[in-house]
C-alpha atoms as a PDB file:
ATOM      1  CA  UNK A   1      35.574-104.602  39.240  1.00  0.00           C
ATOM      2  CA  UNK A   2      34.498-105.669  42.535  1.00  0.00           C
ATOM      3  CA  UNK A   3      32.770-103.134  44.915  1.00  0.00           C
ATOM      4  CA  UNK A   4      35.460-101.842  46.991  1.00  0.00           C
ATOM      5  CA  UNK A   5      33.039-101.097  49.850  1.00  0.00           C
ATOM      6  CA  UNK A   6      31.803-104.881  50.004  1.00  0.00           C
ATOM      7  CA  UNK A   7      32.108-106.678  53.509  1.00  0.00           C
ATOM      8  CA  UNK A   8      33.904-109.703  53.886  1.00  0.00           C
ATOM      9  CA  UNK A   9      31.112-110.605  56.544  1.00  0.00           C
ATOM     10  CA  UNK A  10      30.146-113.914  55.015  1.00  0.00           C
ATOM     11  CA  UNK A  11      31.742-116.931  53.368  1.00  0.00           C
ATOM     12  CA  UNK A  12      30.829-116.620  49.530  1.00  0.00           C
ATOM     13  CA  UNK A  13      29.800-119.178  47.161  1.00  0.00           C
ATOM     14  CA  UNK A  14      32.455-120.555  44.705  1.00  0.00           C
ATOM     15  CA  UNK A  15      31.553-123.439  42.886  1.00  0.00           C
ATOM     16  CA  UNK A  16      34.646-124.774  40.984  1.00  0.00           C
ATOM     17  CA  UNK A  17      32.727-125.545  37.591  1.00  0.00           C
ATOM     18  CA  UNK A  18      31.761-121.659  37.728  1.00  0.00           C
ATOM     19  CA  UNK A  19      35.254-120.291  37.731  1.00  0.00           C
ATOM     20  CA  UNK A  20      37.504-123.407  36.396  1.00  0.00           C
ATOM     21  CA  UNK A  21      39.187-121.680  33.730  1.00  0.00           C
ATOM     22  CA  UNK A  22      39.860-118.423  35.827  1.00  0.00           C
ATOM     23  CA  UNK A  23      41.270-120.647  38.615  1.00  0.00           C
ATOM     24  CA  UNK A  24      43.654-122.446  36.276  1.00  0.00           C
ATOM     25  CA  UNK A  25      44.646-118.894  34.625  1.00  0.00           C
ATOM     26  CA  UNK A  26      45.183-117.332  38.009  1.00  0.00           C
ATOM     27  CA  UNK A  27      47.067-120.263  39.160  1.00  0.00           C
ATOM     28  CA  UNK A  28      49.681-119.566  36.173  1.00  0.00           C
ATOM     29  CA  UNK A  29      49.548-115.756  37.115  1.00  0.00           C
ATOM     30  CA  UNK A  30      50.757-116.464  40.656  1.00  0.00           C
ATOM     31  CA  UNK A  31      53.225-119.064  39.622  1.00  0.00           C
ATOM     32  CA  UNK A  32      54.994-116.451  37.459  1.00  0.00           C
ATOM     33  CA  UNK A  33      54.668-113.816  40.456  1.00  0.00           C
ATOM     34  CA  UNK A  34      55.744-116.588  43.074  1.00  0.00           C
ATOM     35  CA  UNK A  35      58.948-117.465  40.773  1.00  0.00           C
ATOM     36  CA  UNK A  36      60.325-114.129  40.901  1.00  0.00           C
ATOM     37  CA  UNK A  37      60.500-114.562  44.843  1.00  0.00           C
ATOM     38  CA  UNK A  38      61.813-117.956  44.342  1.00  0.00           C
ATOM     39  CA  UNK A  39      64.710-116.749  42.218  1.00  0.00           C
ATOM     40  CA  UNK A  40      65.706-113.949  44.436  1.00  0.00           C
ATOM     41  CA  UNK A  41      65.020-115.220  47.957  1.00  0.00           C
ATOM     42  CA  UNK A  42      67.409-117.354  50.183  1.00  0.00           C
ATOM     43  CA  UNK A  43      66.175-120.796  50.428  1.00  0.00           C
ATOM     44  CA  UNK A  44      64.174-121.463  53.641  1.00  0.00           C
ATOM     45  CA  UNK A  45      63.295-124.804  54.872  1.00  0.00           C
ATOM     46  CA  UNK A  46      60.439-126.652  53.323  1.00  0.00           C
ATOM     47  CA  UNK A  47      60.155-123.843  50.540  1.00  0.00           C
ATOM     48  CA  UNK A  48      58.829-121.250  53.055  1.00  0.00           C
ATOM     49  CA  UNK A  49      60.821-118.905  50.913  1.00  0.00           C
ATOM     50  CA  UNK A  50      58.537-119.182  47.814  1.00  0.00           C
ATOM     51  CA  UNK A  51      54.972-118.426  49.062  1.00  0.00           C
ATOM     52  CA  UNK A  52      52.680-115.647  48.849  1.00  0.00           C
ATOM     53  CA  UNK A  53      50.874-114.138  51.856  1.00  0.00           C
ATOM     54  CA  UNK A  54      47.050-112.781  52.216  1.00  0.00           C
ATOM     55  CA  UNK A  55      46.364-109.119  52.489  1.00  0.00           C
ATOM     56  CA  UNK A  56      43.593-106.890  53.069  1.00  0.00           C
ATOM     57  CA  UNK A  57      43.073-106.885  49.284  1.00  0.00           C
ATOM     58  CA  UNK A  58      44.538-109.775  47.989  1.00  0.00           C
ATOM     59  CA  UNK A  59      48.010-111.432  47.956  1.00  0.00           C
ATOM     60  CA  UNK A  60      51.569-110.184  48.300  1.00  0.00           C
ATOM     61  CA  UNK A  61      55.169-111.495  47.638  1.00  0.00           C
ATOM     62  CA  UNK A  62      56.377-109.549  50.614  1.00  0.00           C
ATOM     63  CA  UNK A  63      59.583-107.883  49.934  1.00  0.00           C
ATOM     64  CA  UNK A  64      62.102-109.430  47.558  1.00  0.00           C
ATOM     65  CA  UNK A  65      65.521-108.720  47.636  1.00  0.00           C
ATOM     66  CA  UNK A  66      67.081-107.297  44.665  1.00  0.00           C
ATOM     67  CA  UNK A  67      70.720-106.284  45.278  1.00  0.00           C
ATOM     68  CA  UNK A  68      70.677-103.179  47.554  1.00  0.00           C
ATOM     69  CA  UNK A  69      67.000-102.562  46.572  1.00  0.00           C
ATOM     70  CA  UNK A  70      63.978-104.579  47.264  1.00  0.00           C
ATOM     71  CA  UNK A  71      60.628-105.064  45.367  1.00  0.00           C
ATOM     72  CA  UNK A  72      57.141-106.089  46.143  1.00  0.00           C
ATOM     73  CA  UNK A  73      54.388-107.571  43.991  1.00  0.00           C
ATOM     74  CA  UNK A  74      50.788-107.239  45.229  1.00  0.00           C
ATOM     75  CA  UNK A  75      47.951-108.565  43.443  1.00  0.00           C
ATOM     76  CA  UNK A  76      44.807-106.328  44.537  1.00  0.00           C
ATOM     77  CA  UNK A  77      41.751-108.441  44.120  1.00  0.00           C
ATOM     78  CA  UNK A  78      39.580-105.754  45.029  1.00  0.00           C
ATOM     79  CA  UNK A  79      40.716-102.925  42.315  1.00  0.00           C
ATOM     80  CA  UNK A  80      41.884-106.005  40.181  1.00  0.00           C
ATOM     81  CA  UNK A  81      45.407-104.531  39.492  1.00  0.00           C
ATOM     82  CA  UNK A  82      48.901-105.904  39.790  1.00  0.00           C
ATOM     83  CA  UNK A  83      50.967-103.524  41.499  1.00  0.00           C
ATOM     84  CA  UNK A  84      54.724-103.262  41.847  1.00  0.00           C
ATOM     85  CA  UNK A  85      56.489-101.037  44.556  1.00  0.00           C
ATOM     86  CA  UNK A  86      60.404-100.739  44.902  1.00  0.00           C
ATOM     87  CA  UNK A  87      62.316 -99.556  48.283  1.00  0.00           C
ATOM     88  CA  UNK A  88      63.712 -96.719  46.188  1.00  0.00           C
ATOM     89  CA  UNK A  89      59.927 -95.175  45.922  1.00  0.00           C
ATOM     90  CA  UNK A  90      59.115 -96.271  42.369  1.00  0.00           C
ATOM     91  CA  UNK A  91      55.870 -98.217  41.262  1.00  0.00           C
ATOM     92  CA  UNK A  92      54.612-100.044  38.274  1.00  0.00           C
ATOM     93  CA  UNK A  93      51.640-102.159  37.539  1.00  0.00           C
ATOM     94  CA  UNK A  94      48.818-103.039  35.218  1.00  0.00           C
ATOM     95  CA  UNK A  95      45.066-104.108  35.352  1.00  0.00           C
ATOM     96  CA  UNK A  96      44.297-107.644  35.949  1.00  0.00           C
ATOM     97  CA  UNK A  97      41.793-108.803  33.174  1.00  0.00           C
ATOM     98  CA  UNK A  98      41.209-111.388  30.682  1.00  0.00           C
ATOM     99  CA  UNK A  99      44.607-112.156  29.120  1.00  0.00           C
ATOM    100  CA  UNK A 100      46.765-115.239  28.177  1.00  0.00           C
ATOM    101  CA  UNK A 101      49.402-116.065  30.382  1.00  0.00           C
ATOM    102  CA  UNK A 102      51.907-115.510  27.754  1.00  0.00           C
ATOM    103  CA  UNK A 103      50.568-111.904  27.739  1.00  0.00           C
ATOM    104  CA  UNK A 104      50.753-111.569  31.295  1.00  0.00           C
ATOM    105  CA  UNK A 105      54.392-112.891  31.418  1.00  0.00           C
ATOM    106  CA  UNK A 106      55.417-110.430  28.712  1.00  0.00           C
ATOM    107  CA  UNK A 107      53.836-107.576  30.462  1.00  0.00           C
ATOM    108  CA  UNK A 108      54.926-108.126  33.920  1.00  0.00           C
ATOM    109  CA  UNK A 109      58.404-108.509  32.490  1.00  0.00           C
ATOM    110  CA  UNK A 110      57.983-105.028  30.739  1.00  0.00           C
ATOM    111  CA  UNK A 111      57.008-103.423  34.164  1.00  0.00           C
ATOM    112  CA  UNK A 112      59.848-104.780  35.910  1.00  0.00           C
ATOM    113  CA  UNK A 113      62.611-103.959  33.460  1.00  0.00           C
ATOM    114  CA  UNK A 114      61.086-100.105  33.424  1.00  0.00           C
ATOM    115  CA  UNK A 115      61.906-100.336  37.249  1.00  0.00           C
ATOM    116  CA  UNK A 116      65.431-101.517  36.399  1.00  0.00           C
ATOM    117  CA  UNK A 117      64.549-104.888  37.588  1.00  0.00           C
ATOM    118  CA  UNK A 118      65.660-108.162  35.531  1.00  0.00           C
ATOM    119  CA  UNK A 119      64.870-111.520  37.287  1.00  0.00           C
ATOM    120  CA  UNK A 120      65.631-114.967  35.267  1.00  0.00           C
ATOM    121  CA  UNK A 121      63.024-117.756  36.289  1.00  0.00           C
ATOM    122  CA  UNK A 122      62.250-121.201  35.138  1.00  0.00           C
ATOM    123  CA  UNK A 123      59.568-119.993  32.885  1.00  0.00           C
ATOM    124  CA  UNK A 124      57.160-122.948  32.833  1.00  0.00           C
ATOM    125  CA  UNK A 125      54.805-123.976  35.928  1.00  0.00           C
ATOM    126  CA  UNK A 126      55.213-126.531  38.494  1.00  0.00           C
ATOM    127  CA  UNK A 127      52.876-129.180  39.927  1.00  0.00           C
ATOM    128  CA  UNK A 128      50.742-129.163  36.987  1.00  0.00           C
ATOM    129  CA  UNK A 129      50.660-131.829  34.335  1.00  0.00           C
ATOM    130  CA  UNK A 130      50.143-129.624  31.289  1.00  0.00           C
ATOM    131  CA  UNK A 131      53.351-127.452  31.952  1.00  0.00           C
ATOM    132  CA  UNK A 132      52.839-125.220  28.930  1.00  0.00           C
ATOM    133  CA  UNK A 133      55.866-122.604  29.128  1.00  0.00           C
ATOM    134  CA  UNK A 134      54.351-119.360  30.270  1.00  0.00           C
ATOM    135  CA  UNK A 135      55.774-117.287  27.136  1.00  0.00           C
ATOM    136  CA  UNK A 136      53.816-119.890  24.707  1.00  0.00           C
ATOM    137  CA  UNK A 137      50.569-120.152  27.042  1.00  0.00           C
ATOM    138  CA  UNK A 138      47.886-118.806  24.966  1.00  0.00           C
ATOM    139  CA  UNK A 139      45.369-121.309  26.056  1.00  0.00           C
ATOM    140  CA  UNK A 140      44.697-120.047  29.561  1.00  0.00           C
ATOM    141  CA  UNK A 141      43.322-116.630  29.238  1.00  0.00           C
ATOM    142  CA  UNK A 142      40.306-116.185  31.485  1.00  0.00           C
ATOM    143  CA  UNK A 143      39.885-113.734  34.269  1.00  0.00           C
ATOM    144  CA  UNK A 144      36.402-113.419  35.897  1.00  0.00           C
ATOM    145  CA  UNK A 145      36.912-110.586  38.491  1.00  0.00           C
ATOM    146  CA  UNK A 146      34.023-111.379  40.599  1.00  0.00           C
ATOM    147  CA  UNK A 147      35.053-115.076  40.918  1.00  0.00           C
ATOM    148  CA  UNK A 148      38.691-113.941  41.839  1.00  0.00           C
ATOM    149  CA  UNK A 149      37.212-111.435  44.606  1.00  0.00           C
ATOM    150  CA  UNK A 150      35.037-114.212  46.016  1.00  0.00           C
ATOM    151  CA  UNK A 151      38.126-116.522  46.204  1.00  0.00           C
ATOM    152  CA  UNK A 152      40.237-113.870  48.062  1.00  0.00           C
ATOM    153  CA  UNK A 153      37.305-113.469  50.546  1.00  0.00           C
ATOM    154  CA  UNK A 154      37.642-117.133  51.188  1.00  0.00           C
ATOM    155  CA  UNK A 155      41.473-116.758  51.709  1.00  0.00           C
ATOM    156  CA  UNK A 156      40.712-114.033  54.045  1.00  0.00           C
ATOM    157  CA  UNK A 157      38.227-116.126  56.124  1.00  0.00           C
ATOM    158  CA  UNK A 158      40.345-119.145  56.127  1.00  0.00           C
ATOM    159  CA  UNK A 159      43.387-117.275  56.992  1.00  0.00           C
ATOM    160  CA  UNK A 160      41.666-115.900  60.093  1.00  0.00           C
ATOM    161  CA  UNK A 161      40.833-119.513  61.210  1.00  0.00           C
ATOM    162  CA  UNK A 162      43.942-121.098  60.415  1.00  0.00           C
ATOM    163  CA  UNK A 163      46.007-118.474  62.269  1.00  0.00           C
ATOM    164  CA  UNK A 164      43.594-118.964  65.388  1.00  0.00           C
ATOM    165  CA  UNK A 165      44.519-122.656  64.935  1.00  0.00           C
ATOM    166  CA  UNK A 166      48.197-122.322  64.676  1.00  0.00           C
ATOM    167  CA  UNK A 167      48.196-120.152  67.898  1.00  0.00           C
ATOM    168  CA  UNK A 168      47.424-123.360  69.836  1.00  0.00           C
ATOM    169  CA  UNK A 169      50.947-125.031  68.896  1.00  0.00           C
ATOM    170  CA  UNK A 170      54.226-124.228  70.725  1.00  0.00           C
ATOM    171  CA  UNK A 171      56.330-126.372  68.453  1.00  0.00           C
ATOM    172  CA  UNK A 172      57.743-125.591  65.209  1.00  0.00           C
ATOM    173  CA  UNK A 173      54.984-124.527  62.833  1.00  0.00           C
ATOM    174  CA  UNK A 174      54.933-122.608  59.441  1.00  0.00           C
ATOM    175  CA  UNK A 175      53.229-119.489  58.722  1.00  0.00           C
ATOM    176  CA  UNK A 176      49.856-119.412  57.304  1.00  0.00           C
ATOM    177  CA  UNK A 177      50.999-118.966  53.579  1.00  0.00           C
ATOM    178  CA  UNK A 178      50.144-119.278  49.990  1.00  0.00           C
ATOM    179  CA  UNK A 179      51.637-122.055  48.120  1.00  0.00           C
ATOM    180  CA  UNK A 180      51.535-121.112  44.252  1.00  0.00           C
ATOM    181  CA  UNK A 181      52.012-124.461  42.878  1.00  0.00           C
ATOM    182  CA  UNK A 182      49.017-126.016  44.065  1.00  0.00           C
ATOM    183  CA  UNK A 183      47.050-122.745  44.908  1.00  0.00           C
ATOM    184  CA  UNK A 184      46.327-123.532  48.416  1.00  0.00           C
ATOM    185  CA  UNK A 185      46.514-121.714  51.579  1.00  0.00           C
ATOM    186  CA  UNK A 186      48.282-123.809  54.173  1.00  0.00           C
ATOM    187  CA  UNK A 187      49.628-124.091  57.748  1.00  0.00           C
ATOM    188  CA  UNK A 188      51.970-127.040  59.093  1.00  0.00           C
ATOM    189  CA  UNK A 189      52.759-128.250  62.260  1.00  0.00           C
ATOM    190  CA  UNK A 190      55.728-130.540  63.010  1.00  0.00           C
ATOM    191  CA  UNK A 191      56.442-133.297  65.536  1.00  0.00           C
ATOM    192  CA  UNK A 192      60.105-132.466  65.841  1.00  0.00           C
ATOM    193  CA  UNK A 193      61.273-136.014  64.401  1.00  0.00           C
ATOM    194  CA  UNK A 194      62.860-136.456  61.057  1.00  0.00           C
ATOM    195  CA  UNK A 195      60.675-138.369  58.396  1.00  0.00           C
ATOM    196  CA  UNK A 196      61.521-141.171  55.950  1.00  0.00           C
ATOM    197  CA  UNK A 197      62.340-140.005  52.415  1.00  0.00           C
ATOM    198  CA  UNK A 198      59.133-138.921  50.537  1.00  0.00           C
ATOM    199  CA  UNK A 199      58.818-140.881  47.065  1.00  0.00           C
ATOM    200  CA  UNK A 200      58.181-137.827  45.147  1.00  0.00           C
ATOM    201  CA  UNK A 201      56.367-137.923  41.805  1.00  0.00           C
ATOM    202  CA  UNK A 202      54.444-134.731  41.931  1.00  0.00           C
ATOM    203  CA  UNK A 203      54.219-133.499  38.184  1.00  0.00           C
ATOM    204  CA  UNK A 204      56.893-131.117  36.899  1.00  0.00           C
ATOM    205  CA  UNK A 205      58.276-130.615  40.567  1.00  0.00           C
ATOM    206  CA  UNK A 206      62.006-132.110  40.892  1.00  0.00           C
ATOM    207  CA  UNK A 207      61.695-134.826  43.754  1.00  0.00           C
ATOM    208  CA  UNK A 208      64.634-133.361  45.947  1.00  0.00           C
ATOM    209  CA  UNK A 209      62.269-130.099  46.352  1.00  0.00           C
ATOM    210  CA  UNK A 210      59.550-132.569  47.770  1.00  0.00           C
ATOM    211  CA  UNK A 211      61.838-134.607  49.561  1.00  0.00           C
ATOM    212  CA  UNK A 212      63.368-131.553  51.608  1.00  0.00           C
ATOM    213  CA  UNK A 213      59.809-130.002  52.109  1.00  0.00           C
ATOM    214  CA  UNK A 214      58.751-133.694  53.717  1.00  0.00           C
ATOM    215  CA  UNK A 215      62.028-134.089  55.593  1.00  0.00           C
ATOM    216  CA  UNK A 216      60.303-133.991  58.810  1.00  0.00           C
ATOM    217  CA  UNK A 217      57.171-135.388  60.331  1.00  0.00           C
ATOM    218  CA  UNK A 218      54.237-133.179  59.678  1.00  0.00           C
ATOM    219  CA  UNK A 219      50.309-132.534  60.234  1.00  0.00           C
ATOM    220  CA  UNK A 220      49.553-130.023  57.529  1.00  0.00           C
ATOM    221  CA  UNK A 221      45.973-128.600  56.874  1.00  0.00           C
ATOM    222  CA  UNK A 222      44.416-125.851  54.684  1.00  0.00           C
ATOM    223  CA  UNK A 223      41.972-124.355  51.957  1.00  0.00           C
ATOM    224  CA  UNK A 224      42.355-125.617  48.435  1.00  0.00           C
ATOM    225  CA  UNK A 225      40.053-124.009  45.555  1.00  0.00           C
ATOM    226  CA  UNK A 226      39.879-127.478  43.669  1.00  0.00           C
ATOM    227  CA  UNK A 227      40.970-129.412  40.721  1.00  0.00           C
ATOM    228  CA  UNK A 228      41.703-132.912  39.524  1.00  0.00           C
ATOM    229  CA  UNK A 229      40.902-135.503  41.168  1.00  0.00           C
ATOM    230  CA  UNK A 230      38.426-133.438  43.511  1.00  0.00           C
ATOM    231  CA  UNK A 231      36.879-130.590  41.423  1.00  0.00           C
ATOM    232  CA  UNK A 232      35.399-128.562  44.465  1.00  0.00           C
ATOM    233  CA  UNK A 233      36.478-126.072  46.666  1.00  0.00           C
ATOM    234  CA  UNK A 234      37.595-127.974  50.086  1.00  0.00           C
ATOM    235  CA  UNK A 235      39.457-127.945  53.406  1.00  0.00           C
ATOM    236  CA  UNK A 236      42.124-130.498  53.561  1.00  0.00           C
ATOM    237  CA  UNK A 237      44.281-132.283  56.291  1.00  0.00           C
ATOM    238  CA  UNK A 238      46.990-134.884  56.007  1.00  0.00           C
ATOM    239  CA  UNK A 239      50.120-136.306  57.695  1.00  0.00           C
ATOM    240  CA  UNK A 240      53.172-137.150  56.423  1.00  0.00           C
ATOM    241  CA  UNK A 241      54.383-140.142  57.124  1.00  0.00           C
ATOM    242  CA  UNK A 242      50.759-141.006  57.422  1.00  0.00           C
ATOM    243  CA  UNK A 243      50.511-143.157  60.665  1.00  0.00           C
ATOM    244  CA  UNK A 244      48.611-146.561  60.385  1.00  0.00           C
ATOM    245  CA  UNK A 245      44.888-146.132  61.076  1.00  0.00           C
ATOM    246  CA  UNK A 246      44.789-142.585  60.020  1.00  0.00           C
ATOM    247  CA  UNK A 247      42.540-142.936  57.033  1.00  0.00           C
ATOM    248  CA  UNK A 248      39.988-144.855  59.245  1.00  0.00           C
ATOM    249  CA  UNK A 249      40.064-141.992  61.866  1.00  0.00           C
ATOM    250  CA  UNK A 250      36.800-140.628  63.139  1.00  0.00           C
ATOM    251  CA  UNK A 251      37.116-136.867  62.491  1.00  0.00           C
ATOM    252  CA  UNK A 252      34.648-134.085  62.516  1.00  0.00           C
ATOM    253  CA  UNK A 253      32.265-132.847  61.375  1.00  0.00           C
ATOM    254  CA  UNK A 254      30.295-135.577  59.731  1.00  0.00           C
ATOM    255  CA  UNK A 255      30.806-134.456  56.214  1.00  0.00           C
ATOM    256  CA  UNK A 256      34.273-134.845  56.283  1.00  0.00           C
ATOM    257  CA  UNK A 257      35.882-137.661  54.490  1.00  0.00           C
ATOM    258  CA  UNK A 258      39.062-139.593  53.321  1.00  0.00           C
ATOM    259  CA  UNK A 259      39.903-139.217  49.734  1.00  0.00           C
ATOM    260  CA  UNK A 260      41.934-142.464  48.805  1.00  0.00           C
ATOM    261  CA  UNK A 261      43.657-140.775  45.816  1.00  0.00           C
ATOM    262  CA  UNK A 262      44.905-137.722  47.561  1.00  0.00           C
ATOM    263  CA  UNK A 263      45.526-139.450  50.882  1.00  0.00           C
ATOM    264  CA  UNK A 264      44.060-136.666  52.682  1.00  0.00           C
ATOM    265  CA  UNK A 265      40.817-135.882  54.794  1.00  0.00           C
ATOM    266  CA  UNK A 266      38.483-133.339  53.000  1.00  0.00           C
ATOM    267  CA  UNK A 267      35.802-130.960  54.300  1.00  0.00           C
ATOM    268  CA  UNK A 268      33.598-129.738  51.307  1.00  0.00           C
ATOM    269  CA  UNK A 269      33.796-125.833  51.487  1.00  0.00           C
ATOM    270  CA  UNK A 270      29.982-125.517  51.089  1.00  0.00           C
ATOM    271  CA  UNK A 271      29.616-127.714  54.336  1.00  0.00           C
ATOM    272  CA  UNK A 272      31.546-124.737  55.921  1.00  0.00           C
ATOM    273  CA  UNK A 273      29.942-122.093  54.182  1.00  0.00           C
ATOM    274  CA  UNK A 274      26.354-123.234  55.025  1.00  0.00           C
ATOM    275  CA  UNK A 275      26.828-124.254  58.442  1.00  0.00           C
ATOM    276  CA  UNK A 276      25.370-122.144  61.515  1.00  0.00           C
ATOM    277  CA  UNK A 277      28.908-121.342  62.786  1.00  0.00           C
ATOM    278  CA  UNK A 278      31.632-121.648  59.690  1.00  0.00           C
ATOM    279  CA  UNK A 279      34.408-120.750  62.241  1.00  0.00           C
ATOM    280  CA  UNK A 280      33.248-123.389  64.585  1.00  0.00           C
ATOM    281  CA  UNK A 281      32.825-125.971  61.981  1.00  0.00           C
ATOM    282  CA  UNK A 282      36.112-125.563  60.478  1.00  0.00           C
ATOM    283  CA  UNK A 283      38.181-125.484  63.718  1.00  0.00           C
ATOM    284  CA  UNK A 284      36.362-128.895  64.634  1.00  0.00           C
ATOM    285  CA  UNK A 285      37.917-130.470  61.397  1.00  0.00           C
ATOM    286  CA  UNK A 286      41.147-128.750  62.049  1.00  0.00           C
ATOM    287  CA  UNK A 287      41.624-129.981  65.787  1.00  0.00           C
ATOM    288  CA  UNK A 288      39.893-133.524  65.081  1.00  0.00           C
ATOM    289  CA  UNK A 289      42.321-134.271  62.139  1.00  0.00           C
ATOM    290  CA  UNK A 290      45.341-133.188  63.597  1.00  0.00           C
ATOM    291  CA  UNK A 291      44.533-134.962  66.954  1.00  0.00           C
ATOM    292  CA  UNK A 292      44.153-138.131  64.782  1.00  0.00           C
ATOM    293  CA  UNK A 293      47.340-137.740  63.277  1.00  0.00           C
ATOM    294  CA  UNK A 294      49.281-136.697  66.431  1.00  0.00           C
ATOM    295  CA  UNK A 295      47.949-139.354  68.506  1.00  0.00           C
ATOM    296  CA  UNK A 296      48.316-142.227  66.019  1.00  0.00           C
ATOM    297  CA  UNK A 297      52.130-141.209  65.384  1.00  0.00           C
ATOM    298  CA  UNK A 298      52.527-140.751  69.256  1.00  0.00           C
ATOM    299  CA  UNK A 299      53.603-137.003  68.978  1.00  0.00           C
ATOM    300  CA  UNK A 300      54.705-135.512  72.302  1.00  0.00           C
ATOM    301  CA  UNK A 301      51.512-133.377  72.478  1.00  0.00           C
ATOM    302  CA  UNK A 302      52.088-132.041  75.888  1.00  0.00           C
ATOM    303  CA  UNK A 303      55.337-130.420  75.155  1.00  0.00           C
ATOM    304  CA  UNK A 304      54.096-129.210  71.548  1.00  0.00           C
ATOM    305  CA  UNK A 305      50.558-127.707  72.390  1.00  0.00           C
ATOM    306  CA  UNK A 306      49.772-124.254  73.903  1.00  0.00           C
ATOM    307  CA  UNK A 307      46.304-124.262  75.759  1.00  0.00           C
ATOM    308  CA  UNK A 308      44.302-121.167  75.397  1.00  0.00           C
ATOM    309  CA  UNK A 309      44.860-120.464  79.087  1.00  0.00           C
ATOM    310  CA  UNK A 310      48.676-120.122  78.512  1.00  0.00           C
ATOM    311  CA  UNK A 311      48.260-117.076  76.427  1.00  0.00           C
ATOM    312  CA  UNK A 312      49.393-113.964  78.227  1.00  0.00           C
ATOM    313  CA  UNK A 313      46.212-111.603  79.081  1.00  0.00           C
ATOM    314  CA  UNK A 314      46.205-108.305  77.616  1.00  0.00           C
ATOM    315  CA  UNK A 315      46.068-105.036  79.335  1.00  0.00           C
ATOM    316  CA  UNK A 316      43.156-102.559  78.174  1.00  0.00           C
ATOM    317  CA  UNK A 317      44.183-100.661  75.027  1.00  0.00           C
ATOM    318  CA  UNK A 318      46.731-103.275  73.926  1.00  0.00           C
END
């Protein structure tokens, strides 16, 4: 179990190869939890109703409607427990520890039923090629608590910087939220213009979902734990539709590069972690990739952006 008194003072190391099996298993756990929110929540544009949110201890669904009641699932990556709370004061949960995806799926259903909650989900993962049904997945069963704790610490740091970045935009912008399909923490800015139809083709994800998600012109960025075809933790930035010249744009810092297969700029996480000012390094990446996308696509930046000087001053004590 992680030390609950440990400080989130530095950006921790998290080589992908050191926790690859846990990363895959955790993704499946989070997909099961996220699909409960998906099944019960009214559809919000660009699939914003399905996401999870960073907390001071892990990730949460936030309240999920269930008839006249609501319930919430929190994944505590400090005490390593899944906790279910309901609006009528009942609780349930179990330890997060090495167990197969099938066992996790079974135990979560049992805990929900004990609270009088029955929700039907599409019980197989999205956005992965090896979509083993949750109830049959005895393959993925790793849970390295220390690695998960470090992953959560990175999410906390990334959430802070992405929230700072989000504050500089006055146009339509997503929350800073966690997409469980790809296990990435993201924030997306919108130009206000419609986008051409997305070609789809994401493994085990209906094309209509992708097309609705990318129905508007966007510049998006975030943190990704890694996987195929880039098995390293990294920050990413992309534009849809990608404007001509975006891939060859000069962005910062120097370690950032354009990945031809992903069609995204990537900044290796270790370049941020090991820099003298990780926040500054990350902000340089976020701002320069956004500027490249917005300028090349001729966004109305004067109308969409909000300079720091425009923020209302705070009185003492506020």
